[in-house]
């Protein structure tokens, strides 16, 4: 496919990688029958299965078991000026929805404010994923906490198929966030909506002089496991970049196999460990696309998609790389990501 032209040597090597850590035979891999295999036996009510069906059966990836989601909540998380300054058309929230629709996404994830302005025009055209909590950064000095910006009922009234929330695992506020989000997810399931959890780690001690363990496979994997435990239907996680956070920071409980047989330094193997912590893929792992760096964005997005797919993940949730560029280029980048999941030659490692 077009998105796989001019790949770097490192990305080409990822296409040839054979995973010798956690066997692909142990995974509940994505596919057209994923909901039947993994959610029909679960406790999810029929209305939640219907909402999950909306997510998995929309856009260019409909019926594949994979997801491509456009997330745009950075106007709150990073300030609107820094987020939309590169492309001011996105100060108008309708253009966020248009990008997701024309980009062939399964869903669009954004704020109460965005959906509240355009819900009646677009609720029947693309599934809504309402992000119900945020880290507001206007308080001085900045504090890092996720607080609720609205109710589950408000998301339901907007026509949402799903709600999304973030927990900063490892932070001082994480206990409160776990309680708030688990209660919100319970209510969402009662109302028939699916649930998506941003499973981020956050603690100043996780970043040392030589390494950032916020993206360590062992720490992010455990965050995933906690997220699945509170009945998230989909887990969003940053792509792992290293391992050994528990050992380096000297906390938590470990087992030697976490580092010498269940993972390696290869990014596919590190991501496979994240998938394993999502109940071996019974709950889908979508990795985030990361910040925009300009000319290399599409190549980086394709690389991330290859890693996620070959590890056993279910897709990408990529925002800034798409909306911080001209509209047509944003659509092309989203399509390039989707092409990886549509390419049947790219298989589980």
C-alpha atoms as a PDB file:
ATOM      1  CA  UNK A   1       0.000   0.000   0.000  1.00  0.00           C
ATOM      2  CA  UNK A   2       1.035   3.590  -0.551  1.00  0.00           C
ATOM      3  CA  UNK A   3       1.711   4.212   3.140  1.00  0.00           C
ATOM      4  CA  UNK A   4       4.412   1.526   3.152  1.00  0.00           C
ATOM      5  CA  UNK A   5       6.620   3.127   0.537  1.00  0.00           C
ATOM      6  CA  UNK A   6       9.983   4.633   1.467  1.00  0.00           C
ATOM      7  CA  UNK A   7      10.144   3.047   4.896  1.00  0.00           C
ATOM      8  CA  UNK A   8      13.245   3.479   7.018  1.00  0.00           C
ATOM      9  CA  UNK A   9      15.533   0.512   7.517  1.00  0.00           C
ATOM     10  CA  UNK A  10      14.389   0.301  11.148  1.00  0.00           C
ATOM     11  CA  UNK A  11      10.722   0.140  10.147  1.00  0.00           C
ATOM     12  CA  UNK A  12      11.491  -2.442   7.471  1.00  0.00           C
ATOM     13  CA  UNK A  13      13.143  -4.541  10.176  1.00  0.00           C
ATOM     14  CA  UNK A  14       9.990  -4.286  12.281  1.00  0.00           C
ATOM     15  CA  UNK A  15       8.042  -5.881   9.437  1.00  0.00           C
ATOM     16  CA  UNK A  16      10.379  -8.878   9.583  1.00  0.00           C
ATOM     17  CA  UNK A  17      10.565  -9.204  13.366  1.00  0.00           C
ATOM     18  CA  UNK A  18       9.602 -12.527  14.940  1.00  0.00           C
ATOM     19  CA  UNK A  19       8.367 -12.233  18.513  1.00  0.00           C
ATOM     20  CA  UNK A  20       9.988 -14.851  20.747  1.00  0.00           C
ATOM     21  CA  UNK A  21       8.707 -13.501  24.064  1.00  0.00           C
ATOM     22  CA  UNK A  22       4.946 -13.915  24.515  1.00  0.00           C
ATOM     23  CA  UNK A  23       3.609 -16.180  21.775  1.00  0.00           C
ATOM     24  CA  UNK A  24       0.976 -14.784  19.427  1.00  0.00           C
ATOM     25  CA  UNK A  25      -0.905 -18.055  19.986  1.00  0.00           C
ATOM     26  CA  UNK A  26      -1.751 -16.851  23.514  1.00  0.00           C
ATOM     27  CA  UNK A  27      -3.424 -13.672  22.263  1.00  0.00           C
ATOM     28  CA  UNK A  28      -7.047 -12.877  21.603  1.00  0.00           C
ATOM     29  CA  UNK A  29      -6.165 -11.217  18.330  1.00  0.00           C
ATOM     30  CA  UNK A  30      -8.215  -8.558  16.552  1.00  0.00           C
ATOM     31  CA  UNK A  31     -10.525  -9.665  13.771  1.00  0.00           C
ATOM     32  CA  UNK A  32     -14.033  -9.291  12.340  1.00  0.00           C
ATOM     33  CA  UNK A  33     -15.440 -11.563  15.068  1.00  0.00           C
ATOM     34  CA  UNK A  34     -13.650  -9.872  17.969  1.00  0.00           C
ATOM     35  CA  UNK A  35     -16.807  -8.629  19.704  1.00  0.00           C
ATOM     36  CA  UNK A  36     -18.411 -12.068  19.476  1.00  0.00           C
ATOM     37  CA  UNK A  37     -15.330 -13.778  20.872  1.00  0.00           C
ATOM     38  CA  UNK A  38     -14.367 -11.375  23.631  1.00  0.00           C
ATOM     39  CA  UNK A  39     -17.379  -9.271  24.637  1.00  0.00           C
ATOM     40  CA  UNK A  40     -20.443 -11.463  24.126  1.00  0.00           C
ATOM     41  CA  UNK A  41     -19.294 -13.786  26.987  1.00  0.00           C
ATOM     42  CA  UNK A  42     -18.653 -10.758  29.247  1.00  0.00           C
ATOM     43  CA  UNK A  43     -20.923  -8.926  31.677  1.00  0.00           C
ATOM     44  CA  UNK A  44     -21.463  -6.023  29.262  1.00  0.00           C
ATOM     45  CA  UNK A  45     -25.177  -5.328  28.664  1.00  0.00           C
ATOM     46  CA  UNK A  46     -26.583  -5.651  25.117  1.00  0.00           C
ATOM     47  CA  UNK A  47     -26.706  -1.868  24.790  1.00  0.00           C
ATOM     48  CA  UNK A  48     -22.944  -1.689  25.398  1.00  0.00           C
ATOM     49  CA  UNK A  49     -22.369  -4.365  22.752  1.00  0.00           C
ATOM     50  CA  UNK A  50     -24.394  -2.220  20.371  1.00  0.00           C
ATOM     51  CA  UNK A  51     -22.247   0.821  21.170  1.00  0.00           C
ATOM     52  CA  UNK A  52     -19.053  -1.191  20.716  1.00  0.00           C
ATOM     53  CA  UNK A  53     -20.485  -2.356  17.400  1.00  0.00           C
ATOM     54  CA  UNK A  54     -20.870   1.276  16.376  1.00  0.00           C
ATOM     55  CA  UNK A  55     -17.194   1.899  17.103  1.00  0.00           C
ATOM     56  CA  UNK A  56     -15.836  -1.241  15.435  1.00  0.00           C
ATOM     57  CA  UNK A  57     -18.104  -1.053  12.388  1.00  0.00           C
ATOM     58  CA  UNK A  58     -17.587   2.516  11.248  1.00  0.00           C
ATOM     59  CA  UNK A  59     -15.102   4.167   8.902  1.00  0.00           C
ATOM     60  CA  UNK A  60     -12.438   2.652   6.683  1.00  0.00           C
ATOM     61  CA  UNK A  61     -11.573  -0.026   9.259  1.00  0.00           C
ATOM     62  CA  UNK A  62     -15.196  -1.133   9.731  1.00  0.00           C
ATOM     63  CA  UNK A  63     -15.510  -4.863  10.328  1.00  0.00           C
ATOM     64  CA  UNK A  64     -11.777  -5.511  10.705  1.00  0.00           C
ATOM     65  CA  UNK A  65     -11.514  -5.499  14.503  1.00  0.00           C
ATOM     66  CA  UNK A  66      -9.193  -2.485  14.335  1.00  0.00           C
ATOM     67  CA  UNK A  67      -9.761   1.123  15.355  1.00  0.00           C
ATOM     68  CA  UNK A  68      -8.629   4.516  14.085  1.00  0.00           C
ATOM     69  CA  UNK A  69      -9.758   7.305  16.405  1.00  0.00           C
ATOM     70  CA  UNK A  70      -9.156  11.056  16.144  1.00  0.00           C
ATOM     71  CA  UNK A  71      -8.675  12.607  19.623  1.00  0.00           C
ATOM     72  CA  UNK A  72      -8.781  16.371  20.053  1.00  0.00           C
ATOM     73  CA  UNK A  73      -8.909  17.458  23.687  1.00  0.00           C
ATOM     74  CA  UNK A  74      -5.572  19.245  23.602  1.00  0.00           C
ATOM     75  CA  UNK A  75      -7.296  22.642  23.695  1.00  0.00           C
ATOM     76  CA  UNK A  76      -7.825  21.957  27.401  1.00  0.00           C
ATOM     77  CA  UNK A  77      -4.812  19.785  28.119  1.00  0.00           C
ATOM     78  CA  UNK A  78      -2.216  21.957  26.342  1.00  0.00           C
ATOM     79  CA  UNK A  79      -4.050  25.317  25.865  1.00  0.00           C
ATOM     80  CA  UNK A  80      -6.034  26.068  22.731  1.00  0.00           C
ATOM     81  CA  UNK A  81      -3.400  28.445  21.363  1.00  0.00           C
ATOM     82  CA  UNK A  82      -0.570  25.928  21.472  1.00  0.00           C
ATOM     83  CA  UNK A  83      -2.793  23.178  20.060  1.00  0.00           C
ATOM     84  CA  UNK A  84      -4.570  25.043  17.276  1.00  0.00           C
ATOM     85  CA  UNK A  85      -1.997  27.745  16.568  1.00  0.00           C
ATOM     86  CA  UNK A  86      -0.364  25.584  13.862  1.00  0.00           C
ATOM     87  CA  UNK A  87      -3.750  25.371  12.075  1.00  0.00           C
ATOM     88  CA  UNK A  88      -6.285  27.938  13.371  1.00  0.00           C
ATOM     89  CA  UNK A  89      -9.223  26.392  11.491  1.00  0.00           C
ATOM     90  CA  UNK A  90      -9.528  23.936  14.384  1.00  0.00           C
ATOM     91  CA  UNK A  91     -10.534  26.658  16.817  1.00  0.00           C
ATOM     92  CA  UNK A  92     -13.893  25.968  15.116  1.00  0.00           C
ATOM     93  CA  UNK A  93     -14.875  22.585  16.565  1.00  0.00           C
ATOM     94  CA  UNK A  94     -16.924  21.562  13.532  1.00  0.00           C
ATOM     95  CA  UNK A  95     -13.679  21.104  11.617  1.00  0.00           C
ATOM     96  CA  UNK A  96     -12.530  18.544  14.194  1.00  0.00           C
ATOM     97  CA  UNK A  97     -15.573  16.401  13.424  1.00  0.00           C
ATOM     98  CA  UNK A  98     -15.169  16.962   9.677  1.00  0.00           C
ATOM     99  CA  UNK A  99     -11.567  15.744   9.822  1.00  0.00           C
ATOM    100  CA  UNK A 100     -12.620  12.537  11.573  1.00  0.00           C
ATOM    101  CA  UNK A 101     -15.456  11.932   9.098  1.00  0.00           C
ATOM    102  CA  UNK A 102     -13.446  12.640   5.956  1.00  0.00           C
ATOM    103  CA  UNK A 103     -10.432  10.835   7.425  1.00  0.00           C
ATOM    104  CA  UNK A 104     -12.441   7.618   7.652  1.00  0.00           C
ATOM    105  CA  UNK A 105     -12.075   7.237  11.430  1.00  0.00           C
ATOM    106  CA  UNK A 106     -14.075   4.803  13.550  1.00  0.00           C
ATOM    107  CA  UNK A 107     -14.854   7.568  16.042  1.00  0.00           C
ATOM    108  CA  UNK A 108     -13.921  11.062  17.171  1.00  0.00           C
ATOM    109  CA  UNK A 109     -12.861  11.680  20.781  1.00  0.00           C
ATOM    110  CA  UNK A 110     -13.225  15.212  22.033  1.00  0.00           C
ATOM    111  CA  UNK A 111     -14.784  17.483  24.642  1.00  0.00           C
ATOM    112  CA  UNK A 112     -18.256  18.293  25.939  1.00  0.00           C
ATOM    113  CA  UNK A 113     -17.850  21.727  24.387  1.00  0.00           C
ATOM    114  CA  UNK A 114     -17.049  20.458  20.901  1.00  0.00           C
ATOM    115  CA  UNK A 115     -19.866  17.934  20.814  1.00  0.00           C
ATOM    116  CA  UNK A 116     -22.268  20.375  22.439  1.00  0.00           C
ATOM    117  CA  UNK A 117     -21.914  22.777  19.515  1.00  0.00           C
ATOM    118  CA  UNK A 118     -22.376  20.288  16.663  1.00  0.00           C
ATOM    119  CA  UNK A 119     -24.043  17.170  18.105  1.00  0.00           C
ATOM    120  CA  UNK A 120     -27.277  17.389  16.132  1.00  0.00           C
ATOM    121  CA  UNK A 121     -25.422  17.748  12.840  1.00  0.00           C
ATOM    122  CA  UNK A 122     -22.972  14.863  13.304  1.00  0.00           C
ATOM    123  CA  UNK A 123     -24.230  12.369  15.932  1.00  0.00           C
ATOM    124  CA  UNK A 124     -25.637  10.126  13.177  1.00  0.00           C
ATOM    125  CA  UNK A 125     -22.552  10.446  10.954  1.00  0.00           C
ATOM    126  CA  UNK A 126     -19.747   9.252  13.242  1.00  0.00           C
ATOM    127  CA  UNK A 127     -19.630   7.710  16.749  1.00  0.00           C
ATOM    128  CA  UNK A 128     -18.917  10.222  19.510  1.00  0.00           C
ATOM    129  CA  UNK A 129     -16.407   9.433  22.284  1.00  0.00           C
ATOM    130  CA  UNK A 130     -16.810  12.118  24.960  1.00  0.00           C
ATOM    131  CA  UNK A 131     -13.742  12.788  27.106  1.00  0.00           C
ATOM    132  CA  UNK A 132     -15.238  13.477  30.543  1.00  0.00           C
ATOM    133  CA  UNK A 133     -12.133  14.504  32.522  1.00  0.00           C
ATOM    134  CA  UNK A 134      -9.127  16.676  31.773  1.00  0.00           C
ATOM    135  CA  UNK A 135      -5.933  18.143  33.188  1.00  0.00           C
ATOM    136  CA  UNK A 136      -6.528  21.899  33.146  1.00  0.00           C
ATOM    137  CA  UNK A 137      -3.303  23.871  33.030  1.00  0.00           C
ATOM    138  CA  UNK A 138      -4.458  27.411  33.800  1.00  0.00           C
ATOM    139  CA  UNK A 139      -3.854  27.087  37.553  1.00  0.00           C
ATOM    140  CA  UNK A 140      -0.553  28.704  38.550  1.00  0.00           C
ATOM    141  CA  UNK A 141       1.700  27.073  39.389  1.00  0.00           C
ATOM    142  CA  UNK A 142       0.531  24.206  37.204  1.00  0.00           C
ATOM    143  CA  UNK A 143      -0.788  21.117  38.905  1.00  0.00           C
ATOM    144  CA  UNK A 144      -1.261  17.757  37.241  1.00  0.00           C
ATOM    145  CA  UNK A 145      -4.628  16.263  38.019  1.00  0.00           C
ATOM    146  CA  UNK A 146      -7.564  14.898  36.019  1.00  0.00           C
ATOM    147  CA  UNK A 147     -10.861  16.447  37.073  1.00  0.00           C
ATOM    148  CA  UNK A 148     -14.387  15.811  35.788  1.00  0.00           C
ATOM    149  CA  UNK A 149     -15.707  18.378  33.312  1.00  0.00           C
ATOM    150  CA  UNK A 150     -19.201  16.901  33.041  1.00  0.00           C
ATOM    151  CA  UNK A 151     -21.387  13.934  33.837  1.00  0.00           C
ATOM    152  CA  UNK A 152     -21.918  10.566  32.199  1.00  0.00           C
ATOM    153  CA  UNK A 153     -25.573  11.517  31.696  1.00  0.00           C
ATOM    154  CA  UNK A 154     -24.520  14.639  29.805  1.00  0.00           C
ATOM    155  CA  UNK A 155     -22.420  12.500  27.448  1.00  0.00           C
ATOM    156  CA  UNK A 156     -25.383  10.187  26.910  1.00  0.00           C
ATOM    157  CA  UNK A 157     -27.638  13.149  26.114  1.00  0.00           C
ATOM    158  CA  UNK A 158     -25.132  14.282  23.471  1.00  0.00           C
ATOM    159  CA  UNK A 159     -25.631  10.944  21.697  1.00  0.00           C
ATOM    160  CA  UNK A 160     -22.277   9.453  22.671  1.00  0.00           C
ATOM    161  CA  UNK A 161     -21.437   5.856  21.849  1.00  0.00           C
ATOM    162  CA  UNK A 162     -18.648   5.928  24.439  1.00  0.00           C
ATOM    163  CA  UNK A 163     -17.027   7.971  27.168  1.00  0.00           C
ATOM    164  CA  UNK A 164     -13.311   8.378  27.700  1.00  0.00           C
ATOM    165  CA  UNK A 165     -11.326   9.286  30.799  1.00  0.00           C
ATOM    166  CA  UNK A 166      -7.719   9.564  31.959  1.00  0.00           C
ATOM    167  CA  UNK A 167      -6.182   8.203  35.143  1.00  0.00           C
ATOM    168  CA  UNK A 168      -2.686   9.318  36.142  1.00  0.00           C
ATOM    169  CA  UNK A 169      -1.524   6.069  37.710  1.00  0.00           C
ATOM    170  CA  UNK A 170       1.281   6.645  40.198  1.00  0.00           C
ATOM    171  CA  UNK A 171       0.236  10.213  41.032  1.00  0.00           C
ATOM    172  CA  UNK A 172      -0.857  11.472  44.445  1.00  0.00           C
ATOM    173  CA  UNK A 173      -4.376  11.900  43.053  1.00  0.00           C
ATOM    174  CA  UNK A 174      -4.633   8.452  41.456  1.00  0.00           C
ATOM    175  CA  UNK A 175      -6.748   6.861  44.205  1.00  0.00           C
ATOM    176  CA  UNK A 176      -9.449   9.516  43.808  1.00  0.00           C
ATOM    177  CA  UNK A 177      -9.265   9.268  40.021  1.00  0.00           C
ATOM    178  CA  UNK A 178      -9.621   5.465  40.122  1.00  0.00           C
ATOM    179  CA  UNK A 179     -12.752   5.769  42.255  1.00  0.00           C
ATOM    180  CA  UNK A 180     -14.254   8.554  40.108  1.00  0.00           C
ATOM    181  CA  UNK A 181     -13.560   6.840  36.809  1.00  0.00           C
ATOM    182  CA  UNK A 182     -14.652   3.369  37.931  1.00  0.00           C
ATOM    183  CA  UNK A 183     -17.968   4.850  39.067  1.00  0.00           C
ATOM    184  CA  UNK A 184     -18.310   6.738  35.781  1.00  0.00           C
ATOM    185  CA  UNK A 185     -17.601   3.572  33.792  1.00  0.00           C
ATOM    186  CA  UNK A 186     -20.202   1.644  35.781  1.00  0.00           C
ATOM    187  CA  UNK A 187     -22.789   4.323  35.028  1.00  0.00           C
ATOM    188  CA  UNK A 188     -21.803   4.451  31.360  1.00  0.00           C
ATOM    189  CA  UNK A 189     -22.337   0.709  31.039  1.00  0.00           C
ATOM    190  CA  UNK A 190     -25.730   1.041  32.728  1.00  0.00           C
ATOM    191  CA  UNK A 191     -26.687   3.621  30.091  1.00  0.00           C
ATOM    192  CA  UNK A 192     -25.334   1.480  27.258  1.00  0.00           C
ATOM    193  CA  UNK A 193     -22.137   3.360  26.414  1.00  0.00           C
ATOM    194  CA  UNK A 194     -18.686   1.870  25.891  1.00  0.00           C
ATOM    195  CA  UNK A 195     -15.688   3.012  27.969  1.00  0.00           C
ATOM    196  CA  UNK A 196     -12.163   4.014  26.920  1.00  0.00           C
ATOM    197  CA  UNK A 197      -9.389   4.664  29.446  1.00  0.00           C
ATOM    198  CA  UNK A 198      -6.270   6.756  28.897  1.00  0.00           C
ATOM    199  CA  UNK A 199      -3.937   4.696  31.169  1.00  0.00           C
ATOM    200  CA  UNK A 200      -1.131   7.172  31.744  1.00  0.00           C
ATOM    201  CA  UNK A 201       1.577   7.024  34.389  1.00  0.00           C
ATOM    202  CA  UNK A 202       2.450  10.279  36.134  1.00  0.00           C
ATOM    203  CA  UNK A 203       4.966  10.847  38.891  1.00  0.00           C
ATOM    204  CA  UNK A 204       8.019  13.105  38.878  1.00  0.00           C
ATOM    205  CA  UNK A 205      10.078  10.240  40.308  1.00  0.00           C
ATOM    206  CA  UNK A 206       9.385   8.155  37.184  1.00  0.00           C
ATOM    207  CA  UNK A 207      11.711  10.430  35.186  1.00  0.00           C
ATOM    208  CA  UNK A 208      15.378  10.057  36.098  1.00  0.00           C
ATOM    209  CA  UNK A 209      18.467  11.842  34.822  1.00  0.00           C
ATOM    210  CA  UNK A 210      19.010   9.314  32.040  1.00  0.00           C
ATOM    211  CA  UNK A 211      15.619   7.730  31.335  1.00  0.00           C
ATOM    212  CA  UNK A 212      11.883   8.457  31.326  1.00  0.00           C
ATOM    213  CA  UNK A 213      10.092   5.490  32.874  1.00  0.00           C
ATOM    214  CA  UNK A 214       6.659   6.985  32.189  1.00  0.00           C
ATOM    215  CA  UNK A 215       6.932   4.967  28.973  1.00  0.00           C
ATOM    216  CA  UNK A 216       8.453   1.818  30.494  1.00  0.00           C
ATOM    217  CA  UNK A 217       6.743  -1.411  29.433  1.00  0.00           C
ATOM    218  CA  UNK A 218       6.471  -2.719  32.989  1.00  0.00           C
ATOM    219  CA  UNK A 219       4.897   0.454  34.423  1.00  0.00           C
ATOM    220  CA  UNK A 220       2.561   1.093  31.480  1.00  0.00           C
ATOM    221  CA  UNK A 221       1.680  -2.590  31.359  1.00  0.00           C
ATOM    222  CA  UNK A 222       0.581  -2.487  34.996  1.00  0.00           C
ATOM    223  CA  UNK A 223      -1.405   0.690  34.324  1.00  0.00           C
ATOM    224  CA  UNK A 224      -3.174  -1.196  31.530  1.00  0.00           C
ATOM    225  CA  UNK A 225      -3.913  -4.074  33.888  1.00  0.00           C
ATOM    226  CA  UNK A 226      -5.484  -1.701  36.403  1.00  0.00           C
ATOM    227  CA  UNK A 227      -7.512  -0.064  33.630  1.00  0.00           C
ATOM    228  CA  UNK A 228      -8.903  -3.376  32.437  1.00  0.00           C
ATOM    229  CA  UNK A 229      -9.748  -4.229  36.044  1.00  0.00           C
ATOM    230  CA  UNK A 230     -12.125  -1.250  36.326  1.00  0.00           C
ATOM    231  CA  UNK A 231     -13.835  -2.496  33.141  1.00  0.00           C
ATOM    232  CA  UNK A 232     -12.491  -0.232  30.457  1.00  0.00           C
ATOM    233  CA  UNK A 233     -13.609  -1.632  27.101  1.00  0.00           C
ATOM    234  CA  UNK A 234     -10.626  -0.137  25.259  1.00  0.00           C
ATOM    235  CA  UNK A 235      -7.232   0.882  26.669  1.00  0.00           C
ATOM    236  CA  UNK A 236      -5.277   3.847  25.334  1.00  0.00           C
ATOM    237  CA  UNK A 237      -1.571   3.811  26.149  1.00  0.00           C
ATOM    238  CA  UNK A 238       1.611   5.494  25.014  1.00  0.00           C
ATOM    239  CA  UNK A 239       3.958   3.355  22.966  1.00  0.00           C
ATOM    240  CA  UNK A 240       6.612   1.858  25.299  1.00  0.00           C
ATOM    241  CA  UNK A 241      10.172   3.072  24.810  1.00  0.00           C
ATOM    242  CA  UNK A 242      12.062   1.207  27.531  1.00  0.00           C
ATOM    243  CA  UNK A 243      11.594  -1.288  30.355  1.00  0.00           C
ATOM    244  CA  UNK A 244      12.674  -1.922  33.937  1.00  0.00           C
ATOM    245  CA  UNK A 245      10.939   0.945  35.667  1.00  0.00           C
ATOM    246  CA  UNK A 246      10.079  -1.033  38.777  1.00  0.00           C
ATOM    247  CA  UNK A 247      13.638  -2.299  39.105  1.00  0.00           C
ATOM    248  CA  UNK A 248      15.303   1.075  38.472  1.00  0.00           C
ATOM    249  CA  UNK A 249      13.008   2.985  40.822  1.00  0.00           C
ATOM    250  CA  UNK A 250      13.097   0.204  43.418  1.00  0.00           C
ATOM    251  CA  UNK A 251       9.401  -0.130  44.114  1.00  0.00           C
ATOM    252  CA  UNK A 252       6.569  -2.482  43.245  1.00  0.00           C
ATOM    253  CA  UNK A 253       6.867  -6.227  42.815  1.00  0.00           C
ATOM    254  CA  UNK A 254       8.626  -7.903  39.925  1.00  0.00           C
ATOM    255  CA  UNK A 255       9.535 -11.311  38.564  1.00  0.00           C
ATOM    256  CA  UNK A 256      12.666 -11.991  36.456  1.00  0.00           C
ATOM    257  CA  UNK A 257      10.596 -13.210  33.497  1.00  0.00           C
ATOM    258  CA  UNK A 258       9.090  -9.727  33.132  1.00  0.00           C
ATOM    259  CA  UNK A 259      12.439  -8.636  31.748  1.00  0.00           C
ATOM    260  CA  UNK A 260      14.309 -11.656  30.400  1.00  0.00           C
ATOM    261  CA  UNK A 261      11.612 -13.808  28.729  1.00  0.00           C
ATOM    262  CA  UNK A 262       8.349 -11.824  28.516  1.00  0.00           C
ATOM    263  CA  UNK A 263       9.948  -8.819  26.846  1.00  0.00           C
ATOM    264  CA  UNK A 264      13.026  -7.725  24.920  1.00  0.00           C
ATOM    265  CA  UNK A 265      14.360  -4.374  23.739  1.00  0.00           C
ATOM    266  CA  UNK A 266      12.391  -4.635  20.487  1.00  0.00           C
ATOM    267  CA  UNK A 267       9.455  -2.178  20.459  1.00  0.00           C
ATOM    268  CA  UNK A 268       7.083  -4.886  19.198  1.00  0.00           C
ATOM    269  CA  UNK A 269       7.978  -7.127  22.145  1.00  0.00           C
ATOM    270  CA  UNK A 270       7.622  -4.236  24.588  1.00  0.00           C
ATOM    271  CA  UNK A 271       4.170  -3.464  23.169  1.00  0.00           C
ATOM    272  CA  UNK A 272       3.272  -7.176  23.253  1.00  0.00           C
ATOM    273  CA  UNK A 273       3.804  -6.959  27.035  1.00  0.00           C
ATOM    274  CA  UNK A 274       1.298  -4.089  27.142  1.00  0.00           C
ATOM    275  CA  UNK A 275      -1.190  -6.228  25.187  1.00  0.00           C
ATOM    276  CA  UNK A 276      -0.639  -9.148  27.582  1.00  0.00           C
ATOM    277  CA  UNK A 277      -1.629  -6.891  30.464  1.00  0.00           C
ATOM    278  CA  UNK A 278      -4.907  -6.155  28.663  1.00  0.00           C
ATOM    279  CA  UNK A 279      -5.973  -9.719  29.495  1.00  0.00           C
ATOM    280  CA  UNK A 280      -3.997 -11.074  26.535  1.00  0.00           C
ATOM    281  CA  UNK A 281      -5.882  -8.813  24.159  1.00  0.00           C
ATOM    282  CA  UNK A 282      -9.410  -9.513  25.380  1.00  0.00           C
ATOM    283  CA  UNK A 283      -9.532  -5.735  25.870  1.00  0.00           C
ATOM    284  CA  UNK A 284      -8.139  -3.861  22.900  1.00  0.00           C
ATOM    285  CA  UNK A 285      -4.960  -1.778  23.169  1.00  0.00           C
ATOM    286  CA  UNK A 286      -4.766   1.383  21.091  1.00  0.00           C
ATOM    287  CA  UNK A 287      -1.516   3.335  21.209  1.00  0.00           C
ATOM    288  CA  UNK A 288      -1.317   7.114  21.019  1.00  0.00           C
ATOM    289  CA  UNK A 289       0.173   8.812  17.994  1.00  0.00           C
ATOM    290  CA  UNK A 290       2.240  11.338  19.936  1.00  0.00           C
ATOM    291  CA  UNK A 291       3.109  14.951  19.241  1.00  0.00           C
ATOM    292  CA  UNK A 292       3.615  16.450  15.817  1.00  0.00           C
ATOM    293  CA  UNK A 293       7.228  16.877  14.695  1.00  0.00           C
ATOM    294  CA  UNK A 294       6.496  18.111  11.189  1.00  0.00           C
ATOM    295  CA  UNK A 295       7.906  16.442   8.092  1.00  0.00           C
ATOM    296  CA  UNK A 296       8.484  13.054   9.749  1.00  0.00           C
ATOM    297  CA  UNK A 297       4.952  12.701  11.141  1.00  0.00           C
ATOM    298  CA  UNK A 298       3.589  10.281   8.560  1.00  0.00           C
ATOM    299  CA  UNK A 299       6.614   7.982   8.733  1.00  0.00           C
ATOM    300  CA  UNK A 300       6.425   7.983  12.538  1.00  0.00           C
ATOM    301  CA  UNK A 301       2.687   7.293  12.480  1.00  0.00           C
ATOM    302  CA  UNK A 302       3.125   4.356  10.100  1.00  0.00           C
ATOM    303  CA  UNK A 303       5.937   2.980  12.267  1.00  0.00           C
ATOM    304  CA  UNK A 304       3.751   3.205  15.392  1.00  0.00           C
ATOM    305  CA  UNK A 305       0.873   1.491  13.590  1.00  0.00           C
ATOM    306  CA  UNK A 306       3.140  -1.356  12.457  1.00  0.00           C
ATOM    307  CA  UNK A 307       4.430  -1.863  16.005  1.00  0.00           C
ATOM    308  CA  UNK A 308       0.928  -1.820  17.467  1.00  0.00           C
ATOM    309  CA  UNK A 309      -0.535  -4.198  14.879  1.00  0.00           C
ATOM    310  CA  UNK A 310       2.311  -6.694  14.933  1.00  0.00           C
ATOM    311  CA  UNK A 311       2.258  -6.702  18.758  1.00  0.00           C
ATOM    312  CA  UNK A 312      -1.436  -7.598  18.815  1.00  0.00           C
ATOM    313  CA  UNK A 313      -2.888  -4.143  19.424  1.00  0.00           C
ATOM    314  CA  UNK A 314      -6.084  -2.833  17.908  1.00  0.00           C
ATOM    315  CA  UNK A 315      -5.154   0.493  16.402  1.00  0.00           C
ATOM    316  CA  UNK A 316      -4.057   4.066  16.929  1.00  0.00           C
ATOM    317  CA  UNK A 317      -5.616   7.152  18.467  1.00  0.00           C
ATOM    318  CA  UNK A 318      -3.725   9.927  16.709  1.00  0.00           C
ATOM    319  CA  UNK A 319      -4.575  13.618  16.918  1.00  0.00           C
ATOM    320  CA  UNK A 320      -1.857  16.267  16.736  1.00  0.00           C
ATOM    321  CA  UNK A 321      -0.078  14.672  13.797  1.00  0.00           C
ATOM    322  CA  UNK A 322      -3.349  14.993  11.866  1.00  0.00           C
ATOM    323  CA  UNK A 323      -4.928  18.285  12.938  1.00  0.00           C
ATOM    324  CA  UNK A 324      -1.759  20.383  13.235  1.00  0.00           C
ATOM    325  CA  UNK A 325      -1.346  20.393   9.447  1.00  0.00           C
ATOM    326  CA  UNK A 326      -3.473  21.375   6.423  1.00  0.00           C
ATOM    327  CA  UNK A 327      -6.817  19.556   6.279  1.00  0.00           C
ATOM    328  CA  UNK A 328      -6.077  17.395   3.226  1.00  0.00           C
ATOM    329  CA  UNK A 329      -2.719  16.357   4.678  1.00  0.00           C
ATOM    330  CA  UNK A 330      -4.432  15.417   7.935  1.00  0.00           C
ATOM    331  CA  UNK A 331      -6.859  13.180   6.053  1.00  0.00           C
ATOM    332  CA  UNK A 332      -3.952  11.576   4.169  1.00  0.00           C
ATOM    333  CA  UNK A 333      -2.067  10.887   7.402  1.00  0.00           C
ATOM    334  CA  UNK A 334      -5.102   9.224   8.999  1.00  0.00           C
ATOM    335  CA  UNK A 335      -5.553   7.132   5.860  1.00  0.00           C
ATOM    336  CA  UNK A 336      -1.877   6.116   5.955  1.00  0.00           C
ATOM    337  CA  UNK A 337      -2.350   4.792   9.492  1.00  0.00           C
ATOM    338  CA  UNK A 338      -5.483   2.921   8.458  1.00  0.00           C
ATOM    339  CA  UNK A 339      -3.705   1.412   5.458  1.00  0.00           C
ATOM    340  CA  UNK A 340      -1.388  -0.455   7.836  1.00  0.00           C
ATOM    341  CA  UNK A 341      -4.358  -2.201   9.428  1.00  0.00           C
ATOM    342  CA  UNK A 342      -5.965  -2.901   6.054  1.00  0.00           C
ATOM    343  CA  UNK A 343      -2.751  -4.452   4.699  1.00  0.00           C
ATOM    344  CA  UNK A 344      -3.152  -8.201   5.197  1.00  0.00           C
ATOM    345  CA  UNK A 345       0.563  -8.793   4.608  1.00  0.00           C
ATOM    346  CA  UNK A 346       1.287  -7.120   7.976  1.00  0.00           C
ATOM    347  CA  UNK A 347       0.617  -9.878  10.482  1.00  0.00           C
ATOM    348  CA  UNK A 348       1.151 -10.666  14.174  1.00  0.00           C
ATOM    349  CA  UNK A 349       4.812 -11.043  15.017  1.00  0.00           C
END
